[in-house]
Amino acid sequence: MLDLGPDSKSIRYEVALDILGESRQPFMRAIHEEKQKSEPSQVFIRYCETRLTAIDELQDDLRLNDLDTIERILTKGNPLFKVD
């Protein structure tokens, strides 16, 4: 783990929250695009909404001492938290 000084844990926590926020964007965009179709897929929309809800819950419940989860979020290339 990279040491960023005495506030390393809090910096990593804040960056993880930012990544979670950014990871919402593809789902929001996909919902918008799907709703523009003449026959939108409700199953796909529900899937995206469910993913958004899960991300929101993780953002709301993430704590500074959730080090393993924070590291997962910060791990580049992790498909669970991919940000374009």
Protein backbone atom coordinates (compact mmCIF):
# COMPACT_ATOMS: atom_id res chain seq x y z
CA MET A 1 0.00 0.00 0.00
CA LEU A 2 1.33 3.42 -0.96
CA ASP A 3 1.96 5.61 2.11
CA LEU A 4 0.76 9.17 1.57
CA GLY A 5 1.76 10.40 5.01
CA PRO A 6 -0.21 10.77 8.23
CA ASP A 7 -3.50 11.29 6.38
CA SER A 8 -2.95 8.37 4.01
CA LYS A 9 -6.05 6.48 5.18
CA SER A 10 -8.30 9.50 4.82
CA ILE A 11 -6.89 10.38 1.39
CA ARG A 12 -7.41 6.81 0.15
CA TYR A 13 -10.93 6.86 1.58
CA GLU A 14 -11.78 10.13 -0.23
CA VAL A 15 -10.31 8.86 -3.51
CA ALA A 16 -12.34 5.65 -3.16
CA LEU A 17 -15.51 7.70 -2.69
CA ASP A 18 -14.64 9.70 -5.82
CA ILE A 19 -14.12 6.51 -7.82
CA LEU A 20 -17.45 5.16 -6.65
CA GLY A 21 -19.11 8.39 -7.74
CA GLU A 22 -17.46 8.17 -11.15
CA SER A 23 -18.47 4.51 -11.51
CA ARG A 24 -22.13 5.62 -11.48
CA GLN A 25 -21.78 7.52 -14.75
CA PRO A 26 -21.87 4.61 -17.23
CA PHE A 27 -25.05 3.27 -15.64
CA MET A 28 -26.75 6.66 -15.63
CA ARG A 29 -25.78 7.16 -19.27
CA ALA A 30 -26.98 3.66 -20.20
CA ILE A 31 -30.37 4.28 -18.55
CA HIS A 32 -30.74 7.57 -20.38
CA GLU A 33 -29.83 6.01 -23.72
CA GLU A 34 -32.10 3.02 -23.19
CA LYS A 35 -35.07 5.23 -22.31
CA GLN A 36 -34.60 7.09 -25.61
CA LYS A 37 -35.34 3.92 -27.59
CA SER A 38 -38.80 3.29 -29.01
CA GLU A 39 -38.97 0.04 -27.00
CA PRO A 40 -36.61 0.33 -24.04
CA SER A 41 -35.59 -2.83 -22.23
CA GLN A 42 -37.07 -2.60 -18.75
CA VAL A 43 -34.90 -5.50 -17.61
CA PHE A 44 -31.76 -3.63 -18.65
CA ILE A 45 -32.97 -0.44 -16.99
CA ARG A 46 -33.68 -2.33 -13.75
CA TYR A 47 -30.21 -3.89 -13.94
CA CYS A 48 -28.59 -0.46 -14.23
CA GLU A 49 -30.77 0.97 -11.46
CA THR A 50 -29.84 -1.94 -9.21
CA ARG A 51 -26.15 -1.34 -9.83
CA LEU A 52 -26.62 2.38 -9.05
CA THR A 53 -28.40 1.51 -5.80
CA ALA A 54 -25.56 -0.83 -4.80
CA ILE A 55 -22.95 1.83 -5.54
CA ASP A 56 -24.94 4.39 -3.54
CA GLU A 57 -25.20 2.02 -0.57
CA LEU A 58 -21.47 1.30 -0.69
CA GLN A 59 -20.70 5.04 -0.83
CA ASP A 60 -23.02 5.73 2.10
CA ASP A 61 -21.74 2.88 4.25
CA LEU A 62 -18.02 2.96 3.41
CA ARG A 63 -15.95 3.79 6.48
CA LEU A 64 -12.36 4.90 6.89
CA ASN A 65 -11.42 1.56 8.45
CA ASP A 66 -12.86 -0.54 5.56
CA LEU A 67 -9.31 -0.94 4.27
CA ASP A 68 -9.85 -4.09 2.19
CA THR A 69 -12.85 -2.62 0.40
CA ILE A 70 -11.05 0.68 -0.17
CA GLU A 71 -8.09 -1.19 -1.66
CA ARG A 72 -10.43 -3.11 -4.00
CA ILE A 73 -11.93 0.15 -5.17
CA LEU A 74 -8.49 1.72 -5.68
CA THR A 75 -7.01 -1.27 -7.52
CA LYS A 76 -6.57 -0.21 -11.13
CA GLY A 77 -8.21 -2.54 -13.61
CA ASN A 78 -10.64 -4.01 -11.07
CA PRO A 79 -13.73 -4.73 -13.19
CA LEU A 80 -16.00 -4.20 -10.19
CA PHE A 81 -15.11 -0.52 -10.04
CA LYS A 82 -14.06 0.23 -13.60
CA VAL A 83 -14.05 3.90 -14.48
CA ASP A 84 -13.63 4.99 -18.09
